[in-house]
């Protein structure tokens, strides 16, 4: 089994991530903000490799086992919520 197969099997049966504890969202946002500060750009799109690093850091800090897709989905949902709030808030 290759390393890529090991990684995908490690995360494959997780289903939908649970974000009911605000701590997990804060951990994710803090990691992403650190990455944005490192790049010096307010609007940044993370590449796959960077999302893997974010995933690893998040899982270590939050004691979770989320996939990069779950983290990306959370960030997309937060971005949508922020845009809606900014527009109608």
Protein backbone atom coordinates (compact mmCIF):
# COMPACT_ATOMS: atom_id res chain seq x y z
CA UNK A 1 0.00 0.00 0.00
CA UNK A 2 1.41 3.39 -0.97
CA UNK A 3 1.63 6.36 1.34
CA UNK A 4 -1.23 8.05 -0.50
CA UNK A 5 -3.41 4.97 -0.02
CA UNK A 6 -2.51 4.86 3.68
CA UNK A 7 -3.52 8.49 4.10
CA UNK A 8 -6.81 8.12 2.24
CA UNK A 9 -7.77 4.98 4.15
CA UNK A 10 -6.93 6.76 7.41
CA UNK A 11 -9.61 9.37 6.74
CA UNK A 12 -12.11 7.65 4.46
CA UNK A 13 -14.87 6.56 6.87
CA UNK A 14 -15.41 9.83 8.65
CA UNK A 15 -18.53 11.17 6.94
CA UNK A 16 -19.68 14.62 7.96
CA UNK A 17 -17.47 16.54 10.36
CA UNK A 18 -18.96 17.85 13.59
CA UNK A 19 -18.35 21.54 14.27
CA UNK A 20 -20.63 22.04 17.29
CA UNK A 21 -17.71 23.00 19.53
CA UNK A 22 -16.48 26.52 18.66
CA UNK A 23 -12.98 25.49 19.73
CA UNK A 24 -12.55 23.45 16.54
CA UNK A 25 -13.54 26.36 14.33
CA UNK A 26 -11.15 28.64 16.20
CA UNK A 27 -8.29 26.18 15.77
CA UNK A 28 -8.96 25.98 12.03
CA UNK A 29 -9.24 29.75 11.65
CA UNK A 30 -6.07 30.37 13.65
CA UNK A 31 -4.10 27.96 11.47
CA UNK A 32 -5.46 29.49 8.27
CA UNK A 33 -4.79 33.02 9.50
CA UNK A 34 -1.20 32.07 10.33
CA UNK A 35 -0.77 30.75 6.79
CA UNK A 36 -2.26 33.92 5.32
CA UNK A 37 0.08 36.08 7.43
CA UNK A 38 3.06 34.05 6.22
CA UNK A 39 2.09 34.78 2.60
CA UNK A 40 1.30 38.43 3.24
CA UNK A 41 -1.87 38.25 1.14
CA UNK A 42 -5.36 38.90 2.48
CA UNK A 43 -7.03 36.78 -0.20
CA UNK A 44 -5.32 33.48 -0.65
CA UNK A 45 -6.27 30.14 -2.11
CA UNK A 46 -4.48 27.26 -0.49
CA UNK A 47 -3.01 24.58 -2.74
CA UNK A 48 -3.55 20.88 -2.00
CA UNK A 49 -0.16 20.53 -0.30
CA UNK A 50 -0.94 23.46 2.00
CA UNK A 51 -4.36 21.97 2.85
CA UNK A 52 -2.59 18.75 3.82
CA UNK A 53 -0.35 20.74 6.16
CA UNK A 54 -3.36 22.58 7.57
CA UNK A 55 -5.14 19.25 8.06
CA UNK A 56 -2.18 17.76 9.89
CA UNK A 57 -1.80 20.81 12.13
CA UNK A 58 -5.54 20.97 12.82
CA UNK A 59 -5.77 17.28 13.69
CA UNK A 60 -2.79 17.57 16.01
CA UNK A 61 -4.09 20.68 17.80
CA UNK A 62 -7.75 19.65 17.95
CA UNK A 63 -7.20 15.93 18.57
CA UNK A 64 -9.42 15.17 15.59
CA UNK A 65 -9.02 13.10 12.45
CA UNK A 66 -10.66 15.32 9.82
CA UNK A 67 -9.87 15.24 6.11
CA UNK A 68 -8.72 18.22 4.11
CA UNK A 69 -12.08 18.11 2.31
CA UNK A 70 -13.91 18.47 5.62
CA UNK A 71 -11.73 21.43 6.56
CA UNK A 72 -12.15 23.05 3.15
CA UNK A 73 -15.92 22.59 3.40
CA UNK A 74 -15.91 24.26 6.81
CA UNK A 75 -13.94 27.21 5.48
CA UNK A 76 -16.28 27.51 2.49
CA UNK A 77 -19.30 27.50 4.81
CA UNK A 78 -17.72 30.10 7.07
CA UNK A 79 -16.92 32.26 4.05
CA UNK A 80 -20.53 32.01 2.87
CA UNK A 81 -21.83 32.88 6.33
CA UNK A 82 -19.48 35.86 6.54
CA UNK A 83 -20.51 37.14 3.11
CA UNK A 84 -24.19 36.84 4.01
CA UNK A 85 -23.69 38.52 7.37
CA UNK A 86 -21.68 41.33 5.80
CA UNK A 87 -24.31 41.86 3.12
CA UNK A 88 -27.39 41.73 5.35
CA UNK A 89 -25.96 42.22 8.83
